[in-house]
C-alpha atoms as a PDB file:
ATOM      1  CA  MET A   1      29.684 -28.946  48.649  1.00  0.00           C
ATOM      2  CA  ILE A   2      33.114 -27.252  47.538  1.00  0.00           C
ATOM      3  CA  PHE A   3      32.879 -28.943  43.659  1.00  0.00           C
ATOM      4  CA  THR A   4      29.183 -27.990  43.242  1.00  0.00           C
ATOM      5  CA  ARG A   5      29.765 -24.318  44.037  1.00  0.00           C
ATOM      6  CA  ASN A   6      32.961 -24.714  41.346  1.00  0.00           C
ATOM      7  CA  LYS A   7      30.632 -26.125  38.594  1.00  0.00           C
ATOM      8  CA  LYS A   8      27.953 -23.297  39.827  1.00  0.00           C
ATOM      9  CA  ARG A   9      30.544 -20.651  39.282  1.00  0.00           C
ATOM     10  CA  ALA A  10      31.839 -22.166  36.191  1.00  0.00           C
ATOM     11  CA  VAL A  11      28.543 -22.352  34.504  1.00  0.00           C
ATOM     12  CA  SER A  12      27.474 -18.574  36.096  1.00  0.00           C
ATOM     13  CA  ASN A  13      31.222 -17.958  34.556  1.00  0.00           C
ATOM     14  CA  PHE A  14      29.942 -19.181  30.817  1.00  0.00           C
ATOM     15  CA  VAL A  15      26.673 -17.172  30.968  1.00  0.00           C
ATOM     16  CA  LEU A  16      28.148 -13.795  31.681  1.00  0.00           C
ATOM     17  CA  LYS A  17      30.859 -14.105  29.308  1.00  0.00           C
ATOM     18  CA  LEU A  18      27.672 -15.226  26.631  1.00  0.00           C
ATOM     19  CA  VAL A  19      25.370 -12.062  27.994  1.00  0.00           C
ATOM     20  CA  ASN A  20      28.262  -9.708  28.164  1.00  0.00           C
ATOM     21  CA  ASN A  21      29.424 -10.693  24.224  1.00  0.00           C
ATOM     22  CA  ASN A  22      26.060 -10.644  22.767  1.00  0.00           C
ATOM     23  CA  CYS A  23      23.936  -7.879  25.092  1.00  0.00           C
ATOM     24  CA  LEU A  24      23.007  -4.873  22.690  1.00  0.00           C
ATOM     25  CA  ASP A  25      22.843  -2.455  25.687  1.00  0.00           C
ATOM     26  CA  ILE A  26      27.462  -3.278  26.216  1.00  0.00           C
ATOM     27  CA  ARG A  27      28.095  -3.749  22.216  1.00  0.00           C
ATOM     28  CA  GLN A  28      26.949  -0.105  21.994  1.00  0.00           C
ATOM     29  CA  LEU A  29      29.762   1.045  24.517  1.00  0.00           C
ATOM     30  CA  GLN A  30      32.438  -1.276  21.962  1.00  0.00           C
ATOM     31  CA  ASP A  31      30.527  -0.345  18.838  1.00  0.00           C
ATOM     32  CA  GLY A  32      29.468   3.813  19.917  1.00  0.00           C
ATOM     33  CA  PRO A  33      25.680   4.732  20.276  1.00  0.00           C
ATOM     34  CA  ARG A  34      23.067   3.988  17.396  1.00  0.00           C
ATOM     35  CA  SER A  35      20.798   6.533  15.744  1.00  0.00           C
ATOM     36  CA  GLU A  36      18.083   4.726  17.546  1.00  0.00           C
ATOM     37  CA  ASN A  37      17.718   2.081  20.331  1.00  0.00           C
ATOM     38  CA  ARG A  38      16.476  -1.584  19.763  1.00  0.00           C
ATOM     39  CA  VAL A  39      13.684  -3.404  22.098  1.00  0.00           C
ATOM     40  CA  ASN A  40      14.272  -7.188  22.078  1.00  0.00           C
ATOM     41  CA  LEU A  41      11.199  -8.502  21.477  1.00  0.00           C
ATOM     42  CA  THR A  42      10.660 -12.265  19.820  1.00  0.00           C
ATOM     43  CA  VAL A  43       7.617 -12.495  18.045  1.00  0.00           C
ATOM     44  CA  VAL A  44       6.537 -15.065  15.169  1.00  0.00           C
ATOM     45  CA  VAL A  45       6.659 -12.788  12.063  1.00  0.00           C
ATOM     46  CA  LEU A  46       5.045 -14.485   7.946  1.00  0.00           C
ATOM     47  CA  VAL A  47       8.376 -12.907   5.469  1.00  0.00           C
ATOM     48  CA  ILE A  48       6.737 -12.740   1.884  1.00  0.00           C
ATOM     49  CA  PRO A  49       9.697 -11.957  -0.457  1.00  0.00           C
ATOM     50  CA  LEU A  50       8.692  -9.400  -3.453  1.00  0.00           C
ATOM     51  CA  GLU A  51      10.102  -9.771  -6.666  1.00  0.00           C
ATOM     52  CA  ASN A  52       9.152  -7.718  -9.613  1.00  0.00           C
ATOM     53  CA  LYS A  53       7.036  -5.474  -6.890  1.00  0.00           C
ATOM     54  CA  GLU A  54       5.140  -8.746  -6.266  1.00  0.00           C
ATOM     55  CA  LEU A  55       4.413 -11.249  -3.698  1.00  0.00           C
ATOM     56  CA  ALA A  56       6.254 -14.558  -4.521  1.00  0.00           C
ATOM     57  CA  ALA A  57       4.310 -16.316  -2.063  1.00  0.00           C
ATOM     58  CA  ALA A  58       6.014 -19.629  -2.427  1.00  0.00           C
ATOM     59  CA  LYS A  59       9.211 -18.511  -1.143  1.00  0.00           C
ATOM     60  CA  ALA A  60       7.336 -17.175   1.858  1.00  0.00           C
ATOM     61  CA  PHE A  61       8.729 -18.606   5.280  1.00  0.00           C
ATOM     62  CA  GLN A  62       8.421 -18.014   8.753  1.00  0.00           C
ATOM     63  CA  ALA A  63      11.207 -16.746  11.394  1.00  0.00           C
ATOM     64  CA  VAL A  64      11.552 -15.055  14.846  1.00  0.00           C
ATOM     65  CA  THR A  65      12.001 -11.413  15.753  1.00  0.00           C
ATOM     66  CA  LYS A  66      15.345 -10.630  17.850  1.00  0.00           C
ATOM     67  CA  ASP A  67      14.426  -7.196  17.998  1.00  0.00           C
ATOM     68  CA  PHE A  68      13.273  -4.001  16.695  1.00  0.00           C
ATOM     69  CA  THR A  69      13.763  -0.019  16.451  1.00  0.00           C
ATOM     70  CA  THR A  70      10.643   2.394  15.246  1.00  0.00           C
ATOM     71  CA  THR A  71      12.287   1.814  11.571  1.00  0.00           C
ATOM     72  CA  SER A  72      13.410  -1.454  11.134  1.00  0.00           C
ATOM     73  CA  VAL A  73      13.601  -5.488  12.457  1.00  0.00           C
ATOM     74  CA  ALA A  74      15.687  -8.042  12.667  1.00  0.00           C
ATOM     75  CA  ILE A  75      14.928 -11.794  12.033  1.00  0.00           C
ATOM     76  CA  VAL A  76      16.983 -14.808  12.769  1.00  0.00           C
ATOM     77  CA  VAL A  77      16.093 -17.803  10.136  1.00  0.00           C
ATOM     78  CA  ASP A  78      16.957 -21.461  10.312  1.00  0.00           C
ATOM     79  CA  ALA A  79      18.930 -21.164   6.730  1.00  0.00           C
ATOM     80  CA  PRO A  80      20.923 -18.550   3.987  1.00  0.00           C
ATOM     81  CA  ARG A  81      17.736 -16.662   2.510  1.00  0.00           C
ATOM     82  CA  SER A  82      18.323 -13.942  -0.090  1.00  0.00           C
ATOM     83  CA  VAL A  83      15.437 -11.551   0.561  1.00  0.00           C
ATOM     84  CA  SER A  84      15.530  -8.180  -1.009  1.00  0.00           C
ATOM     85  CA  ALA A  85      12.084  -6.909  -0.274  1.00  0.00           C
ATOM     86  CA  ALA A  86       9.485  -8.498   1.514  1.00  0.00           C
ATOM     87  CA  ILE A  87       6.420  -8.129   3.073  1.00  0.00           C
ATOM     88  CA  LEU A  88       5.996  -8.755   6.693  1.00  0.00           C
ATOM     89  CA  ALA A  89       3.134 -10.033   8.162  1.00  0.00           C
ATOM     90  CA  PHE A  90       2.519  -9.521  11.939  1.00  0.00           C
ATOM     91  CA  ARG A  91      -0.477 -11.096  13.860  1.00  0.00           C
ATOM     92  CA  TYR A  92      -1.496  -8.719  16.392  1.00  0.00           C
ATOM     93  CA  GLU A  93      -4.588  -9.040  18.947  1.00  0.00           C
ATOM     94  CA  GLY A  94      -6.098 -11.288  16.525  1.00  0.00           C
ATOM     95  CA  GLU A  95      -5.737  -9.341  13.534  1.00  0.00           C
ATOM     96  CA  MET A  96      -2.763  -9.691  10.431  1.00  0.00           C
ATOM     97  CA  TYR A  97      -0.709  -6.025   9.940  1.00  0.00           C
ATOM     98  CA  TYR A  98       1.704  -5.880   6.627  1.00  0.00           C
ATOM     99  CA  ALA A  99       4.767  -4.016   6.610  1.00  0.00           C
ATOM    100  CA  ARG A 100       7.146  -3.286   3.286  1.00  0.00           C
ATOM    101  CA  ALA A 101      10.262  -3.845   3.873  1.00  0.00           C
ATOM    102  CA  LYS A 102      13.676  -3.702   2.349  1.00  0.00           C
ATOM    103  CA  ALA A 103      16.579  -5.907   3.185  1.00  0.00           C
ATOM    104  CA  ARG A 104      19.650  -3.858   4.783  1.00  0.00           C
ATOM    105  CA  HIS A 105      22.209  -6.301   5.905  1.00  0.00           C
ATOM    106  CA  HIS A 106      22.038 -10.800   6.368  1.00  0.00           C
ATOM    107  CA  THR A 107      24.528 -11.908   8.688  1.00  0.00           C
ATOM    108  CA  PRO A 108      25.651 -15.165  10.015  1.00  0.00           C
ATOM    109  CA  LEU A 109      25.107 -16.660  13.549  1.00  0.00           C
ATOM    110  CA  GLY A 110      26.366 -19.951  13.689  1.00  0.00           C
ATOM    111  CA  GLY A 111      25.140 -23.257  13.511  1.00  0.00           C
ATOM    112  CA  GLY A 112      23.294 -22.766  10.544  1.00  0.00           C
ATOM    113  CA  PHE A 113      21.122 -19.610  11.594  1.00  0.00           C
ATOM    114  CA  HIS A 114      20.778 -16.294  10.160  1.00  0.00           C
ATOM    115  CA  GLN A 115      20.039 -12.755  11.170  1.00  0.00           C
ATOM    116  CA  LEU A 116      17.650 -10.417   8.300  1.00  0.00           C
ATOM    117  CA  GLY A 117      17.960  -6.855   8.933  1.00  0.00           C
ATOM    118  CA  PHE A 118      15.028  -5.143   7.542  1.00  0.00           C
ATOM    119  CA  GLN A 119      14.153  -1.393   7.084  1.00  0.00           C
ATOM    120  CA  LEU A 120      10.575  -1.095   7.226  1.00  0.00           C
ATOM    121  CA  GLU A 121       8.997   1.104   4.784  1.00  0.00           C
ATOM    122  CA  GLU A 122       5.671   1.171   4.973  1.00  0.00           C
ATOM    123  CA  MET A 123       2.147  -0.473   6.558  1.00  0.00           C
ATOM    124  CA  VAL A 124       0.107  -1.699   3.864  1.00  0.00           C
ATOM    125  CA  SER A 125      -2.955  -3.283   3.365  1.00  0.00           C
ATOM    126  CA  PRO A 126      -4.290  -6.398   1.797  1.00  0.00           C
ATOM    127  CA  ALA A 127      -5.838  -4.677  -1.291  1.00  0.00           C
ATOM    128  CA  ASP A 128      -2.738  -3.694  -2.116  1.00  0.00           C
ATOM    129  CA  TYR A 129      -0.972  -7.159  -3.326  1.00  0.00           C
ATOM    130  CA  PRO A 130      -3.473  -9.398  -4.378  1.00  0.00           C
ATOM    131  CA  GLY A 131      -3.274 -12.902  -2.776  1.00  0.00           C
ATOM    132  CA  LEU A 132      -1.814 -11.674   0.728  1.00  0.00           C
ATOM    133  CA  SER A 133      -5.432 -11.610   2.604  1.00  0.00           C
ATOM    134  CA  ARG A 134      -4.987 -15.513   2.031  1.00  0.00           C
ATOM    135  CA  MET A 135      -1.432 -15.652   3.751  1.00  0.00           C
ATOM    136  CA  SER A 136      -1.549 -15.611   7.742  1.00  0.00           C
ATOM    137  CA  PHE A 137      -0.190 -18.241  10.049  1.00  0.00           C
END
């Protein structure tokens, strides 16, 4: 039993270190308060890059969200992505919702994963961008 406890303690110590070094609440204590709280929420998002204010449908990709504020979202992707502006498509209660967004940051996370931060600028309608209504997941 003694060795079992030590193994569990080692696992517990690792998880505590991992969580403590990545928890938003704890990070805020180190970095200082942010202007807005973040909400951890993981949902699938379709990212459709904009090039010259037009949809670059062939470059669209799916990702998962990491966290939200009322006007921004961080997403996690499995490869570096060069996106300066995009339409972000979210499925909610069986319907698609689209937001035009501007990229704010790109942060390597390790293991081939990257975080992209987007500032959400406005909700858009499929009528605003021809072809948008055909894009979904």
